Amino acid sequence: MSPQKWINSTNAMGFVSKSGRYGGTFTHKDIAFKFASWISVEFELYIVKEFQRLKEEEQKQLGWNAKRELAKINYHIHTDAIKTHLIPKTLTVLQTSLVYANEADVLNMALFGITAKQWRDENPDKKGNQRDYASINQLICLSNLENINALFIEQNIIQQKRLEQLNQIAIKQMLLLEEITQRKYLKNE
């Protein structure tokens, strides 16, 4: 009996069967798990373990995305300080964008040790920027550095001094964040 005939004859709810090139038989995940246990307990265990692994990976990714979004929001605080204190009204759009890029590279240098252009040159096969590949700890630190740099800009501290101070802060914060992460992993073992 074909899946479509079985679905129609038993009035099976939760199943969908489609014919054709991209067809197949589909069901809700809970029904699939029960079906897997009917086939074999070993198969069910494999399915459940794989599903759990995928959900854990998804949760890790969500955490990273949340931190990335936080860094993006704090970036507005940073760019507002740049706009207010570093960009004269007489600059062209191109000149203005260069000031923003230059200040973003102050943060990149302080945290990652390289500019955005250097990262792109070293990673031509990757899409996005180095911040898209940053760890959660780096994103937390970056978010903090954006706020601190905004404050430094408002205090009219020259760029070289800001870079030096931001780099020292980044080193301290990254060491602390890594230590906290290591303690967490040791507790879980």
N, C-alpha and C. Protein backbone atom coordinates (compact mmCIF):
# COMPACT_ATOMS: atom_id res chain seq x y z
N MET A 1 0.85 -1.17 0.00
CA MET A 1 0.00 0.00 0.00
C MET A 1 0.91 1.24 0.00
N SER A 2 0.59 2.20 -0.84
CA SER A 2 1.39 3.43 -0.92
C SER A 2 1.08 4.32 0.28
N PRO A 3 1.99 5.22 0.62
CA PRO A 3 1.73 6.13 1.74
C PRO A 3 0.46 6.96 1.53
N GLN A 4 0.23 7.41 0.29
CA GLN A 4 -0.97 8.21 0.03
C GLN A 4 -2.25 7.40 0.25
N LYS A 5 -2.25 6.15 -0.21
CA LYS A 5 -3.44 5.30 0.00
C LYS A 5 -3.64 5.03 1.47
N TRP A 6 -2.54 4.76 2.19
CA TRP A 6 -2.65 4.49 3.62
C TRP A 6 -3.20 5.71 4.36
N ILE A 7 -2.70 6.91 4.03
CA ILE A 7 -3.17 8.13 4.68
C ILE A 7 -4.66 8.33 4.42
N ASN A 8 -5.09 8.12 3.18
CA ASN A 8 -6.50 8.28 2.83
C ASN A 8 -7.39 7.23 3.46
N SER A 9 -6.95 5.96 3.43
CA SER A 9 -7.80 4.88 3.94
C SER A 9 -7.91 4.90 5.46
N THR A 10 -6.87 5.35 6.16
CA THR A 10 -6.92 5.37 7.64
C THR A 10 -7.27 6.75 8.18
N ASN A 11 -7.45 7.72 7.29
CA ASN A 11 -7.72 9.09 7.71
C ASN A 11 -6.64 9.56 8.70
N ALA A 12 -5.39 9.25 8.36
CA ALA A 12 -4.25 9.53 9.23
C ALA A 12 -4.02 11.04 9.33
N MET A 13 -4.03 11.52 10.56
CA MET A 13 -3.79 12.94 10.79
C MET A 13 -2.31 13.15 11.07
N GLY A 14 -1.78 14.29 10.61
CA GLY A 14 -0.39 14.62 10.88
C GLY A 14 0.57 14.12 9.83
N PHE A 15 0.03 13.46 8.78
CA PHE A 15 0.87 12.96 7.70
C PHE A 15 0.53 13.71 6.42
N VAL A 16 1.55 13.95 5.59
CA VAL A 16 1.38 14.55 4.28
C VAL A 16 2.24 13.75 3.32
N SER A 17 1.65 13.40 2.18
CA SER A 17 2.41 12.67 1.17
C SER A 17 2.24 13.38 -0.16
N LYS A 18 3.37 13.64 -0.83
CA LYS A 18 3.33 14.34 -2.11
C LYS A 18 4.07 13.50 -3.14
N SER A 19 3.52 13.46 -4.34
CA SER A 19 4.15 12.75 -5.44
C SER A 19 5.03 13.69 -6.22
N GLY A 20 5.84 13.12 -7.07
CA GLY A 20 6.62 13.95 -7.98
C GLY A 20 8.07 14.07 -7.57
N ARG A 21 8.75 14.90 -8.31
CA ARG A 21 10.20 15.06 -8.16
C ARG A 21 10.61 15.48 -6.75
N TYR A 22 9.92 16.43 -6.16
CA TYR A 22 10.26 16.90 -4.82
C TYR A 22 9.27 16.39 -3.77
N GLY A 23 8.66 15.28 -4.07
CA GLY A 23 7.67 14.71 -3.18
C GLY A 23 8.31 13.93 -2.04
N GLY A 24 7.46 13.32 -1.27
CA GLY A 24 7.89 12.51 -0.13
C GLY A 24 6.77 12.43 0.87
N THR A 25 7.02 11.70 1.94
CA THR A 25 6.04 11.57 3.00
C THR A 25 6.59 12.29 4.22
N PHE A 26 5.77 13.17 4.78
CA PHE A 26 6.20 14.01 5.88
C PHE A 26 5.21 13.90 7.03
N THR A 27 5.74 14.13 8.24
CA THR A 27 4.88 14.11 9.41
C THR A 27 5.47 15.03 10.48
N HIS A 28 4.70 15.25 11.51
CA HIS A 28 5.15 16.04 12.65
C HIS A 28 6.28 15.29 13.34
N LYS A 29 7.23 16.02 13.94
CA LYS A 29 8.41 15.38 14.56
C LYS A 29 8.02 14.41 15.67
N ASP A 30 6.96 14.69 16.43
CA ASP A 30 6.55 13.78 17.51
C ASP A 30 6.08 12.43 16.96
N ILE A 31 5.36 12.49 15.84
CA ILE A 31 4.91 11.25 15.20
C ILE A 31 6.12 10.50 14.65
N ALA A 32 7.07 11.23 14.08
CA ALA A 32 8.28 10.59 13.55
C ALA A 32 9.05 9.90 14.67
N PHE A 33 9.14 10.51 15.84
CA PHE A 33 9.84 9.88 16.96
C PHE A 33 9.14 8.59 17.39
N LYS A 34 7.82 8.61 17.44
CA LYS A 34 7.07 7.40 17.80
C LYS A 34 7.26 6.30 16.74
N PHE A 35 7.25 6.72 15.49
CA PHE A 35 7.47 5.76 14.41
C PHE A 35 8.88 5.16 14.53
N ALA A 36 9.86 5.99 14.87
CA ALA A 36 11.24 5.51 15.04
C ALA A 36 11.32 4.49 16.17
N SER A 37 10.59 4.71 17.27
CA SER A 37 10.62 3.75 18.37
C SER A 37 9.94 2.44 17.98
N TRP A 38 8.96 2.51 17.10
CA TRP A 38 8.29 1.30 16.62
C TRP A 38 9.23 0.47 15.76
N ILE A 39 10.05 1.14 14.95
CA ILE A 39 11.00 0.43 14.09
C ILE A 39 12.08 -0.24 14.94
N SER A 40 12.69 0.53 15.85
CA SER A 40 13.79 0.00 16.65
C SER A 40 14.10 0.97 17.78
N VAL A 41 14.32 0.42 18.98
CA VAL A 41 14.67 1.26 20.12
C VAL A 41 16.03 1.92 19.85
N GLU A 42 16.95 1.20 19.24
CA GLU A 42 18.26 1.75 18.90
C GLU A 42 18.12 2.92 17.93
N PHE A 43 17.25 2.76 16.94
CA PHE A 43 17.01 3.83 15.96
C PHE A 43 16.39 5.04 16.65
N GLU A 44 15.44 4.78 17.56
CA GLU A 44 14.81 5.89 18.29
C GLU A 44 15.86 6.65 19.10
N LEU A 45 16.74 5.93 19.78
CA LEU A 45 17.79 6.56 20.57
C LEU A 45 18.68 7.42 19.68
N TYR A 46 19.03 6.91 18.52
CA TYR A 46 19.86 7.67 17.57
C TYR A 46 19.14 8.95 17.16
N ILE A 47 17.86 8.86 16.82
CA ILE A 47 17.07 10.02 16.39
C ILE A 47 16.98 11.04 17.51
N VAL A 48 16.69 10.60 18.71
CA VAL A 48 16.55 11.51 19.85
C VAL A 48 17.88 12.21 20.15
N LYS A 49 18.97 11.44 20.16
CA LYS A 49 20.30 12.03 20.43
C LYS A 49 20.66 13.06 19.36
N GLU A 50 20.41 12.75 18.11
CA GLU A 50 20.72 13.67 17.02
C GLU A 50 19.87 14.94 17.13
N PHE A 51 18.60 14.77 17.46
CA PHE A 51 17.71 15.92 17.63
C PHE A 51 18.21 16.80 18.78
N GLN A 52 18.61 16.20 19.88
CA GLN A 52 19.12 16.96 21.02
C GLN A 52 20.39 17.72 20.64
N ARG A 53 21.28 17.06 19.89
CA ARG A 53 22.51 17.71 19.46
C ARG A 53 22.21 18.93 18.59
N LEU A 54 21.27 18.78 17.67
CA LEU A 54 20.90 19.89 16.80
C LEU A 54 20.28 21.04 17.59
N LYS A 55 19.47 20.73 18.58
CA LYS A 55 18.87 21.78 19.41
C LYS A 55 19.94 22.51 20.24
N GLU A 56 20.93 21.77 20.74
CA GLU A 56 22.02 22.41 21.48
C GLU A 56 22.80 23.35 20.58
N GLU A 57 23.09 22.92 19.36
CA GLU A 57 23.80 23.77 18.41
C GLU A 57 22.99 25.02 18.10
N GLU A 58 21.69 24.85 17.95
CA GLU A 58 20.80 25.97 17.67
C GLU A 58 20.83 26.97 18.82
N GLN A 59 20.82 26.48 20.06
CA GLN A 59 20.85 27.36 21.22
C GLN A 59 22.16 28.12 21.31
N LYS A 60 23.28 27.45 20.99
CA LYS A 60 24.58 28.12 20.98
C LYS A 60 24.57 29.25 19.96
N GLN A 61 24.02 28.96 18.78
CA GLN A 61 23.97 29.96 17.71
C GLN A 61 23.09 31.14 18.11
N LEU A 62 21.98 30.84 18.79
CA LEU A 62 21.09 31.92 19.25
C LEU A 62 21.81 32.82 20.24
N GLY A 63 22.59 32.22 21.14
CA GLY A 63 23.36 33.01 22.10
C GLY A 63 24.35 33.91 21.40
N TRP A 64 25.04 33.37 20.40
CA TRP A 64 26.00 34.16 19.65
C TRP A 64 25.28 35.29 18.92
N ASN A 65 24.15 34.98 18.30
CA ASN A 65 23.40 36.01 17.57
C ASN A 65 22.93 37.12 18.50
N ALA A 66 22.51 36.75 19.71
CA ALA A 66 22.06 37.76 20.67
C ALA A 66 23.21 38.71 21.02
N LYS A 67 24.40 38.14 21.23
CA LYS A 67 25.56 38.98 21.54
C LYS A 67 25.93 39.85 20.35
N ARG A 68 25.82 39.30 19.14
CA ARG A 68 26.13 40.08 17.93
C ARG A 68 25.15 41.25 17.80
N GLU A 69 23.88 41.00 18.09
CA GLU A 69 22.88 42.08 18.04
C GLU A 69 23.16 43.13 19.10
N LEU A 70 23.59 42.71 20.28
CA LEU A 70 23.94 43.65 21.34
C LEU A 70 25.09 44.54 20.87
N ALA A 71 26.09 43.93 20.24
CA ALA A 71 27.23 44.70 19.74
C ALA A 71 26.76 45.70 18.68
N LYS A 72 25.81 45.29 17.84
CA LYS A 72 25.29 46.20 16.81
C LYS A 72 24.55 47.38 17.44
N ILE A 73 23.80 47.12 18.50
CA ILE A 73 23.06 48.19 19.17
C ILE A 73 24.04 49.16 19.82
N ASN A 74 25.06 48.63 20.49
CA ASN A 74 26.06 49.50 21.11
C ASN A 74 26.85 50.27 20.07
N TYR A 75 26.92 49.75 18.88
CA TYR A 75 27.62 50.44 17.80
C TYR A 75 26.97 51.80 17.54
N HIS A 76 25.65 51.90 17.74
CA HIS A 76 24.95 53.17 17.54
C HIS A 76 25.42 54.22 18.56
N ILE A 77 25.71 53.77 19.78
CA ILE A 77 26.23 54.69 20.79
C ILE A 77 27.58 55.22 20.33
N HIS A 78 28.38 54.31 19.79
CA HIS A 78 29.72 54.65 19.31
C HIS A 78 29.63 55.62 18.13
N THR A 79 28.81 55.29 17.14
CA THR A 79 28.72 56.15 15.95
C THR A 79 28.11 57.51 16.27
N ASP A 80 27.24 57.56 17.26
CA ASP A 80 26.68 58.86 17.65
C ASP A 80 27.76 59.76 18.24
N ALA A 81 28.65 59.19 19.03
CA ALA A 81 29.75 59.97 19.59
C ALA A 81 30.68 60.46 18.48
N ILE A 82 30.91 59.61 17.49
CA ILE A 82 31.75 60.00 16.34
C ILE A 82 31.09 61.15 15.60
N LYS A 83 29.81 60.99 15.32
CA LYS A 83 29.06 62.01 14.58
C LYS A 83 29.06 63.35 15.32
N THR A 84 28.85 63.29 16.60
CA THR A 84 28.75 64.50 17.40
C THR A 84 30.09 65.20 17.62
N HIS A 85 31.17 64.42 17.81
CA HIS A 85 32.43 65.02 18.25
C HIS A 85 33.57 64.98 17.23
N LEU A 86 33.48 64.14 16.20
CA LEU A 86 34.61 64.00 15.29
C LEU A 86 34.35 64.42 13.85
N ILE A 87 33.09 64.58 13.48
CA ILE A 87 32.78 64.87 12.09
C ILE A 87 32.31 66.31 11.93
N PRO A 88 33.15 67.14 11.29
CA PRO A 88 32.71 68.51 11.01
C PRO A 88 31.61 68.51 9.95
N LYS A 89 30.79 69.50 9.98
CA LYS A 89 29.66 69.59 9.04
C LYS A 89 30.12 69.77 7.59
N THR A 90 31.36 70.19 7.39
CA THR A 90 31.86 70.49 6.05
C THR A 90 32.38 69.26 5.29
N LEU A 91 32.41 68.10 5.92
CA LEU A 91 32.93 66.90 5.25
C LEU A 91 31.93 66.36 4.23
N THR A 92 32.46 65.76 3.19
CA THR A 92 31.61 65.10 2.19
C THR A 92 31.15 63.75 2.76
N VAL A 93 30.25 63.12 2.05
CA VAL A 93 29.74 61.81 2.47
C VAL A 93 30.89 60.79 2.50
N LEU A 94 31.74 60.82 1.50
CA LEU A 94 32.88 59.91 1.44
C LEU A 94 33.84 60.16 2.61
N GLN A 95 34.14 61.40 2.88
CA GLN A 95 35.03 61.73 4.00
C GLN A 95 34.43 61.28 5.34
N THR A 96 33.12 61.47 5.46
CA THR A 96 32.43 61.05 6.68
C THR A 96 32.52 59.55 6.86
N SER A 97 32.30 58.80 5.79
CA SER A 97 32.37 57.34 5.89
C SER A 97 33.77 56.88 6.25
N LEU A 98 34.78 57.60 5.79
CA LEU A 98 36.17 57.25 6.15
C LEU A 98 36.44 57.48 7.64
N VAL A 99 35.84 58.51 8.21
CA VAL A 99 36.00 58.77 9.65
C VAL A 99 35.37 57.62 10.44
N TYR A 100 34.16 57.20 10.05
CA TYR A 100 33.50 56.09 10.73
C TYR A 100 34.32 54.81 10.60
N ALA A 101 34.84 54.52 9.41
CA ALA A 101 35.64 53.32 9.19
C ALA A 101 36.92 53.36 10.01
N ASN A 102 37.53 54.54 10.06
CA ASN A 102 38.77 54.70 10.82
C ASN A 102 38.52 54.42 12.30
N GLU A 103 37.41 54.92 12.83
CA GLU A 103 37.09 54.69 14.24
C GLU A 103 36.71 53.23 14.49
N ALA A 104 36.05 52.59 13.53
CA ALA A 104 35.75 51.16 13.67
C ALA A 104 37.05 50.37 13.73
N ASP A 105 38.02 50.79 12.93
CA ASP A 105 39.32 50.11 12.94
C ASP A 105 40.10 50.35 14.23
N VAL A 106 39.82 51.43 14.93
CA VAL A 106 40.43 51.62 16.25
C VAL A 106 39.98 50.47 17.15
N LEU A 107 38.69 50.15 17.11
CA LEU A 107 38.16 49.05 17.92
C LEU A 107 38.71 47.71 17.43
N ASN A 108 38.75 47.54 16.10
CA ASN A 108 39.29 46.30 15.54
C ASN A 108 40.73 46.08 15.96
N MET A 109 41.53 47.12 15.90
CA MET A 109 42.94 47.02 16.29
C MET A 109 43.06 46.72 17.79
N ALA A 110 42.25 47.38 18.58
CA ALA A 110 42.32 47.19 20.03
C ALA A 110 41.95 45.76 20.42
N LEU A 111 40.97 45.18 19.76
CA LEU A 111 40.48 43.85 20.13
C LEU A 111 41.13 42.73 19.32
N PHE A 112 41.14 42.88 17.99
CA PHE A 112 41.59 41.79 17.11
C PHE A 112 43.05 41.93 16.68
N GLY A 113 43.59 43.15 16.80
CA GLY A 113 44.97 43.37 16.41
C GLY A 113 45.17 43.63 14.93
N ILE A 114 44.09 43.69 14.16
CA ILE A 114 44.17 43.99 12.72
C ILE A 114 42.98 44.84 12.30
N THR A 115 43.14 45.56 11.20
CA THR A 115 42.05 46.38 10.67
C THR A 115 41.09 45.49 9.87
N ALA A 116 39.95 46.04 9.51
CA ALA A 116 38.97 45.30 8.71
C ALA A 116 39.55 44.94 7.35
N LYS A 117 40.29 45.83 6.73
CA LYS A 117 40.89 45.56 5.42
C LYS A 117 41.92 44.45 5.53
N GLN A 118 42.75 44.49 6.55
CA GLN A 118 43.74 43.43 6.74
C GLN A 118 43.05 42.08 6.90
N TRP A 119 41.95 42.04 7.65
CA TRP A 119 41.22 40.79 7.85
C TRP A 119 40.65 40.29 6.52
N ARG A 120 40.05 41.20 5.73
CA ARG A 120 39.49 40.81 4.43
C ARG A 120 40.59 40.27 3.51
N ASP A 121 41.75 40.93 3.52
CA ASP A 121 42.87 40.48 2.69
C ASP A 121 43.35 39.08 3.11
N GLU A 122 43.33 38.81 4.41
CA GLU A 122 43.76 37.50 4.93
C GLU A 122 42.69 36.42 4.78
N ASN A 123 41.43 36.83 4.60
CA ASN A 123 40.31 35.88 4.54
C ASN A 123 39.42 36.16 3.32
N PRO A 124 39.97 36.06 2.10
CA PRO A 124 39.18 36.40 0.92
C PRO A 124 38.00 35.46 0.67
N ASP A 125 38.05 34.26 1.22
CA ASP A 125 36.99 33.28 1.01
C ASP A 125 35.81 33.45 1.97
N LYS A 126 35.96 34.29 3.00
CA LYS A 126 34.90 34.46 3.99
C LYS A 126 34.04 35.67 3.66
N LYS A 127 32.75 35.55 3.94
CA LYS A 127 31.82 36.66 3.73
C LYS A 127 31.67 37.43 5.02
N GLY A 128 31.30 38.69 4.91
CA GLY A 128 31.10 39.51 6.10
C GLY A 128 32.41 40.11 6.55
N ASN A 129 32.53 40.31 7.88
CA ASN A 129 33.75 40.90 8.45
C ASN A 129 34.18 40.11 9.66
N GLN A 130 35.29 40.53 10.25
CA GLN A 130 35.86 39.77 11.37
C GLN A 130 34.91 39.71 12.56
N ARG A 131 34.07 40.68 12.69
CA ARG A 131 33.11 40.67 13.80
C ARG A 131 32.08 39.56 13.63
N ASP A 132 31.77 39.19 12.39
CA ASP A 132 30.84 38.10 12.14
C ASP A 132 31.42 36.75 12.55
N TYR A 133 32.72 36.66 12.70
CA TYR A 133 33.40 35.42 13.07
C TYR A 133 33.95 35.47 14.49
N ALA A 134 33.60 36.51 15.23
CA ALA A 134 34.10 36.69 16.59
C ALA A 134 33.41 35.72 17.54
N SER A 135 34.12 35.38 18.60
CA SER A 135 33.54 34.53 19.65
C SER A 135 32.57 35.37 20.49
N ILE A 136 31.81 34.70 21.32
CA ILE A 136 30.88 35.41 22.20
C ILE A 136 31.67 36.33 23.14
N ASN A 137 32.79 35.84 23.67
CA ASN A 137 33.61 36.68 24.56
C ASN A 137 34.14 37.91 23.83
N GLN A 138 34.55 37.75 22.58
CA GLN A 138 35.03 38.90 21.81
C GLN A 138 33.91 39.90 21.57
N LEU A 139 32.70 39.40 21.32
CA LEU A 139 31.57 40.31 21.10
C LEU A 139 31.20 41.06 22.38
N ILE A 140 31.29 40.39 23.51
CA ILE A 140 31.03 41.07 24.78
C ILE A 140 32.05 42.18 24.98
N CYS A 141 33.31 41.84 24.75
CA CYS A 141 34.39 42.82 24.90
C CYS A 141 34.21 43.98 23.91
N LEU A 142 33.88 43.65 22.66
CA LEU A 142 33.67 44.68 21.64
C LEU A 142 32.56 45.64 22.05
N SER A 143 31.49 45.10 22.58
CA SER A 143 30.37 45.92 23.04
C SER A 143 30.83 46.89 24.12
N ASN A 144 31.64 46.39 25.04
CA ASN A 144 32.19 47.25 26.10
C ASN A 144 33.12 48.32 25.52
N LEU A 145 33.97 47.91 24.58
CA LEU A 145 34.92 48.86 23.98
C LEU A 145 34.20 49.98 23.23
N GLU A 146 33.09 49.65 22.58
CA GLU A 146 32.33 50.68 21.87
C GLU A 146 31.84 51.75 22.83
N ASN A 147 31.33 51.32 23.97
CA ASN A 147 30.85 52.29 24.97
C ASN A 147 31.99 53.11 25.54
N ILE A 148 33.10 52.43 25.84
CA ILE A 148 34.24 53.14 26.42
C ILE A 148 34.83 54.12 25.41
N ASN A 149 34.96 53.70 24.15
CA ASN A 149 35.50 54.59 23.13
C ASN A 149 34.59 55.80 22.92
N ALA A 150 33.28 55.59 22.98
CA ALA A 150 32.35 56.71 22.87
C ALA A 150 32.62 57.73 23.98
N LEU A 151 32.85 57.24 25.18
CA LEU A 151 33.17 58.12 26.30
C LEU A 151 34.50 58.83 26.07
N PHE A 152 35.52 58.09 25.60
CA PHE A 152 36.82 58.70 25.31
C PHE A 152 36.71 59.78 24.24
N ILE A 153 35.89 59.53 23.24
CA ILE A 153 35.70 60.53 22.17
C ILE A 153 35.07 61.79 22.75
N GLU A 154 34.07 61.61 23.60
CA GLU A 154 33.42 62.76 24.22
C GLU A 154 34.39 63.54 25.11
N GLN A 155 35.40 62.86 25.65
CA GLN A 155 36.40 63.52 26.50
C GLN A 155 37.56 64.10 25.68
N ASN A 156 37.44 64.03 24.35
CA ASN A 156 38.44 64.58 23.43
C ASN A 156 39.83 63.96 23.59
N ILE A 157 39.89 62.69 23.93
CA ILE A 157 41.17 61.99 24.01
C ILE A 157 41.61 61.66 22.58
N ILE A 158 42.87 61.93 22.27
CA ILE A 158 43.33 61.70 20.90
C ILE A 158 43.30 60.21 20.56
N GLN A 159 43.19 59.94 19.27
CA GLN A 159 42.98 58.57 18.81
C GLN A 159 44.07 57.60 19.26
N GLN A 160 45.31 57.97 19.16
CA GLN A 160 46.41 57.08 19.56
C GLN A 160 46.31 56.68 21.02
N LYS A 161 45.99 57.63 21.88
CA LYS A 161 45.83 57.34 23.32
C LYS A 161 44.61 56.44 23.55
N ARG A 162 43.53 56.72 22.81
CA ARG A 162 42.34 55.88 22.94
C ARG A 162 42.67 54.45 22.55
N LEU A 163 43.40 54.29 21.45
CA LEU A 163 43.76 52.95 20.98
C LEU A 163 44.59 52.21 22.03
N GLU A 164 45.57 52.88 22.60
CA GLU A 164 46.40 52.25 23.62
C GLU A 164 45.57 51.82 24.83
N GLN A 165 44.71 52.71 25.30
CA GLN A 165 43.88 52.39 26.46
C GLN A 165 42.87 51.30 26.14
N LEU A 166 42.26 51.37 24.97
CA LEU A 166 41.28 50.35 24.58
C LEU A 166 41.94 48.98 24.44
N ASN A 167 43.15 48.94 23.93
CA ASN A 167 43.87 47.68 23.80
C ASN A 167 44.16 47.08 25.17
N GLN A 168 44.59 47.91 26.12
CA GLN A 168 44.84 47.41 27.48
C GLN A 168 43.55 46.89 28.12
N ILE A 169 42.46 47.60 27.91
CA ILE A 169 41.17 47.18 28.44
C ILE A 169 40.75 45.86 27.79
N ALA A 170 40.92 45.76 26.47
CA ALA A 170 40.53 44.54 25.75
C ALA A 170 41.32 43.34 26.26
N ILE A 171 42.60 43.51 26.47
CA ILE A 171 43.43 42.40 26.96
C ILE A 171 42.93 41.95 28.33
N LYS A 172 42.70 42.89 29.23
CA LYS A 172 42.21 42.55 30.58
C LYS A 172 40.85 41.86 30.52
N GLN A 173 39.93 42.42 29.72
CA GLN A 173 38.59 41.85 29.65
C GLN A 173 38.61 40.45 29.03
N MET A 174 39.39 40.27 27.96
CA MET A 174 39.44 38.96 27.32
C MET A 174 40.03 37.91 28.25
N LEU A 175 41.07 38.27 29.00
CA LEU A 175 41.65 37.32 29.97
C LEU A 175 40.61 36.94 31.02
N LEU A 176 39.88 37.92 31.51
CA LEU A 176 38.84 37.66 32.51
C LEU A 176 37.72 36.81 31.94
N LEU A 177 37.25 37.17 30.75
CA LEU A 177 36.16 36.41 30.13
C LEU A 177 36.57 34.97 29.82
N GLU A 178 37.81 34.78 29.37
CA GLU A 178 38.29 33.43 29.09
C GLU A 178 38.42 32.62 30.38
N GLU A 179 38.86 33.28 31.45
CA GLU A 179 38.97 32.60 32.74
C GLU A 179 37.60 32.15 33.23
N ILE A 180 36.62 33.02 33.10
CA ILE A 180 35.24 32.68 33.50
C ILE A 180 34.73 31.51 32.67
N THR A 181 34.99 31.55 31.38
CA THR A 181 34.56 30.48 30.48
C THR A 181 35.22 29.16 30.86
N GLN A 182 36.52 29.19 31.15
CA GLN A 182 37.25 27.98 31.53
C GLN A 182 36.70 27.40 32.82
N ARG A 183 36.39 28.26 33.81
CA ARG A 183 35.82 27.78 35.07
C ARG A 183 34.48 27.11 34.83
N LYS A 184 33.69 27.68 33.92
CA LYS A 184 32.38 27.10 33.59
C LYS A 184 32.55 25.72 32.99
N TYR A 185 33.51 25.57 32.06
CA TYR A 185 33.73 24.27 31.44
C TYR A 185 34.27 23.25 32.44
N LEU A 186 35.10 23.69 33.38
CA LEU A 186 35.62 22.76 34.38
C LEU A 186 34.51 22.25 35.28
N LYS A 187 33.56 23.11 35.63
CA LYS A 187 32.44 22.69 36.47
C LYS A 187 31.56 21.67 35.76
N ASN A 188 31.45 21.80 34.42
CA ASN A 188 30.57 20.90 33.66
C ASN A 188 31.19 19.53 33.44
N GLU A 189 32.47 19.37 33.68
CA GLU A 189 33.13 18.08 33.43
C GLU A 189 32.91 17.11 34.54
